[in-house]
Amino acid sequence: MDETQWLSADERAAWLRLVAVVELLPGVLDGQLRRTSGLTHFEYLVMAMLSEAPERVMRMTALAQCTNATLPRLSHVVRRLEERGLVERRPCPDDGRATDAHLTADGWETVVAAAPGHVETVRRHVLDPLTPTQVQRLHEIGDALLRELDPGGRLAVLYDPDPRA
């Protein structure tokens, strides 16, 4: 039987800080978006992905993949966004079995209006407390962790702003 390799004091300290960030940051992002835009962070993410897609359209399966959502969860969220007139679902013209999600004009206006406050929150709580060197290290740390957590690159659209890289 293998022996457990317990965390060193430094590893434990780093791990506990990461856990604290992972627990606190979603509430900060979600709270700001709810207060200023009436959106959850996940709704914003869905709309942001659509806003960056060609013609603001994505297949539901691709949208689920790049937002790390199950199809049932995504379908539920898209239904709520449809009820608000922010997203529409349409049959995929290339594949009658698939469904496309389309960001409406109102959805575009909503995500454009929400983006500055979201970016300000990200800057305030994540980037501004760090030096430029620490931001670069955070990037490198994120890449290292994602190679392990997302080896297939399903979420690459979220963390690779330059698809040529």
Protein backbone atom coordinates (compact mmCIF):
# COMPACT_ATOMS: atom_id res chain seq x y z
CA MET A 1 0.00 0.00 0.00
CA ASP A 2 1.32 3.43 -0.94
CA GLU A 3 2.12 5.94 1.75
CA THR A 4 0.23 9.23 1.61
CA GLN A 5 2.53 12.11 0.77
CA TRP A 6 1.17 14.74 3.15
CA LEU A 7 1.43 18.42 2.31
CA SER A 8 4.40 20.31 3.64
CA ALA A 9 3.70 23.44 5.68
CA ASP A 10 4.38 25.63 2.63
CA GLU A 11 2.21 23.43 0.36
CA ARG A 12 -0.61 23.44 2.91
CA ALA A 13 -0.45 27.23 3.24
CA ALA A 14 -0.55 27.66 -0.56
CA TRP A 15 -3.40 25.16 -0.90
CA LEU A 16 -5.52 26.79 1.80
CA ARG A 17 -5.07 30.21 0.18
CA LEU A 18 -6.14 28.81 -3.19
CA VAL A 19 -9.19 27.20 -1.57
CA ALA A 20 -10.10 30.54 0.05
CA VAL A 21 -9.83 32.34 -3.31
CA VAL A 22 -11.87 29.64 -5.07
CA GLU A 23 -14.57 29.95 -2.40
CA LEU A 24 -14.69 33.77 -2.13
CA LEU A 25 -14.21 34.96 -5.72
CA PRO A 26 -17.41 33.50 -7.24
CA GLY A 27 -19.54 35.32 -4.67
CA VAL A 28 -17.76 38.61 -5.34
CA LEU A 29 -18.23 38.29 -9.12
CA ASP A 30 -21.81 37.05 -8.85
CA GLY A 31 -22.78 39.72 -6.33
CA GLN A 32 -21.47 42.59 -8.44
CA LEU A 33 -23.21 41.37 -11.59
CA ARG A 34 -26.50 40.74 -9.78
CA ARG A 35 -26.45 44.23 -8.22
CA THR A 36 -25.47 46.17 -11.33
CA SER A 37 -26.87 44.10 -14.22
CA GLY A 38 -29.40 41.64 -12.83
CA LEU A 39 -27.29 38.75 -14.15
CA THR A 40 -25.60 35.85 -12.46
CA HIS A 41 -21.95 35.33 -13.26
CA PHE A 42 -22.85 32.21 -15.24
CA GLU A 43 -25.51 34.10 -17.25
CA TYR A 44 -22.90 36.76 -17.99
CA LEU A 45 -20.40 34.08 -19.06
CA VAL A 46 -22.94 32.51 -21.42
CA MET A 47 -23.77 35.88 -22.95
CA ALA A 48 -20.09 36.88 -23.17
CA MET A 49 -19.25 33.67 -25.05
CA LEU A 50 -22.12 34.33 -27.45
CA SER A 51 -21.03 37.96 -27.87
CA GLU A 52 -17.61 36.79 -29.06
CA ALA A 53 -18.89 34.07 -31.39
CA PRO A 54 -19.30 34.67 -35.13
CA GLU A 55 -22.68 36.32 -35.71
CA ARG A 56 -23.23 35.93 -31.93
CA VAL A 57 -24.39 32.34 -32.45
CA MET A 58 -23.14 29.04 -31.01
CA ARG A 59 -24.46 25.51 -30.93
CA MET A 60 -25.78 24.70 -27.51
CA THR A 61 -23.35 21.78 -27.23
CA ALA A 62 -20.35 24.04 -27.98
CA LEU A 63 -21.65 26.67 -25.57
CA ALA A 64 -22.05 24.04 -22.86
CA GLN A 65 -18.52 22.84 -23.45
CA CYS A 66 -16.86 26.26 -23.31
CA THR A 67 -18.79 27.25 -20.17
CA ASN A 68 -18.19 23.88 -18.47
CA ALA A 69 -21.94 23.34 -18.12
CA THR A 70 -24.08 20.29 -18.55
CA LEU A 71 -26.66 20.62 -21.33
CA PRO A 72 -29.53 20.55 -18.80
CA ARG A 73 -27.97 23.37 -16.75
CA LEU A 74 -27.23 25.42 -19.85
CA SER A 75 -30.72 24.81 -21.23
CA HIS A 76 -32.25 26.04 -17.97
CA VAL A 77 -30.12 29.20 -17.97
CA VAL A 78 -30.75 29.89 -21.66
CA ARG A 79 -34.49 29.47 -21.07
CA ARG A 80 -34.29 32.17 -18.36
CA LEU A 81 -32.33 34.42 -20.71
CA GLU A 82 -34.90 33.76 -23.47
CA GLU A 83 -37.71 34.82 -21.13
CA ARG A 84 -35.89 38.14 -20.72
CA GLY A 85 -35.39 38.52 -24.48
CA LEU A 86 -31.58 38.30 -24.20
CA VAL A 87 -31.00 35.00 -26.03
CA GLU A 88 -32.97 33.00 -28.61
CA ARG A 89 -32.73 29.34 -29.46
CA ARG A 90 -33.11 28.33 -33.08
CA PRO A 91 -32.71 25.09 -35.01
CA CYS A 92 -29.21 24.77 -36.44
CA PRO A 93 -29.42 25.35 -40.22
CA ASP A 94 -26.57 22.87 -40.86
CA ASP A 95 -27.85 20.09 -38.59
CA GLY A 96 -31.54 19.71 -37.85
CA ARG A 97 -30.72 17.68 -34.71
CA ALA A 98 -28.79 20.57 -33.13
CA THR A 99 -29.94 23.82 -31.57
CA ASP A 100 -28.16 27.17 -31.80
CA ALA A 101 -28.18 29.88 -29.14
CA HIS A 102 -28.26 33.41 -30.53
CA LEU A 103 -27.53 36.57 -28.55
CA THR A 104 -30.30 39.07 -29.32
CA ALA A 105 -29.79 42.81 -29.79
CA ASP A 106 -31.07 43.33 -26.22
CA GLY A 107 -28.66 40.63 -25.05
CA TRP A 108 -25.79 42.37 -26.80
CA GLU A 109 -26.71 45.70 -25.15
CA THR A 110 -26.97 43.98 -21.77
CA VAL A 111 -23.58 42.27 -21.96
CA VAL A 112 -21.92 45.45 -23.28
CA ALA A 113 -23.43 47.43 -20.39
CA ALA A 114 -22.40 44.78 -17.83
CA ALA A 115 -18.81 44.36 -19.05
CA PRO A 116 -17.26 47.55 -17.57
CA GLY A 117 -18.48 46.80 -14.04
CA HIS A 118 -17.38 43.18 -14.34
CA VAL A 119 -13.91 44.18 -15.54
CA GLU A 120 -13.65 46.75 -12.75
CA THR A 121 -14.49 44.04 -10.20
CA VAL A 122 -11.96 41.63 -11.69
CA ARG A 123 -9.31 44.34 -11.61
CA ARG A 124 -10.10 45.41 -8.06
CA HIS A 125 -10.24 41.95 -6.51
CA VAL A 126 -7.79 39.96 -8.63
CA LEU A 127 -5.39 41.98 -10.77
CA ASP A 128 -4.77 45.28 -8.95
CA PRO A 129 -3.50 43.63 -5.73
CA LEU A 130 -0.80 41.90 -7.82
CA THR A 131 2.40 43.25 -9.33
CA PRO A 132 2.91 42.78 -13.08
CA THR A 133 5.32 39.94 -12.27
CA GLN A 134 2.69 38.28 -10.08
CA VAL A 135 0.10 38.61 -12.87
CA GLN A 136 2.51 36.80 -15.20
CA ARG A 137 3.07 34.13 -12.53
CA LEU A 138 -0.70 33.78 -12.07
CA HIS A 139 -0.98 33.22 -15.83
CA GLU A 140 1.72 30.56 -15.68
CA ILE A 141 0.17 28.92 -12.62
CA GLY A 142 -3.24 28.91 -14.30
CA ASP A 143 -1.75 27.27 -17.40
CA ALA A 144 -0.02 24.59 -15.29
CA LEU A 145 -3.20 23.80 -13.35
CA LEU A 146 -5.36 23.79 -16.46
CA ARG A 147 -3.07 21.34 -18.24
CA GLU A 148 -3.93 18.91 -15.44
CA LEU A 149 -7.58 19.87 -14.86
CA ASP A 150 -8.58 20.38 -18.51
CA PRO A 151 -6.18 18.23 -20.55
CA GLY A 152 -8.55 18.21 -23.54
CA GLY A 153 -8.68 22.01 -23.61
CA ARG A 154 -12.49 22.15 -23.38
CA LEU A 155 -12.29 25.54 -21.68
CA ALA A 156 -9.43 26.83 -23.85
CA VAL A 157 -11.70 29.56 -25.20
CA LEU A 158 -11.80 31.02 -21.69
CA TYR A 159 -8.10 31.05 -20.98
CA ASP A 160 -6.44 31.37 -24.39
CA PRO A 161 -7.18 34.84 -25.74
CA ASP A 162 -4.91 34.19 -28.73
CA PRO A 163 -6.12 31.03 -30.49
CA ARG A 164 -2.94 31.10 -32.64
CA ALA A 165 -0.76 30.51 -29.54
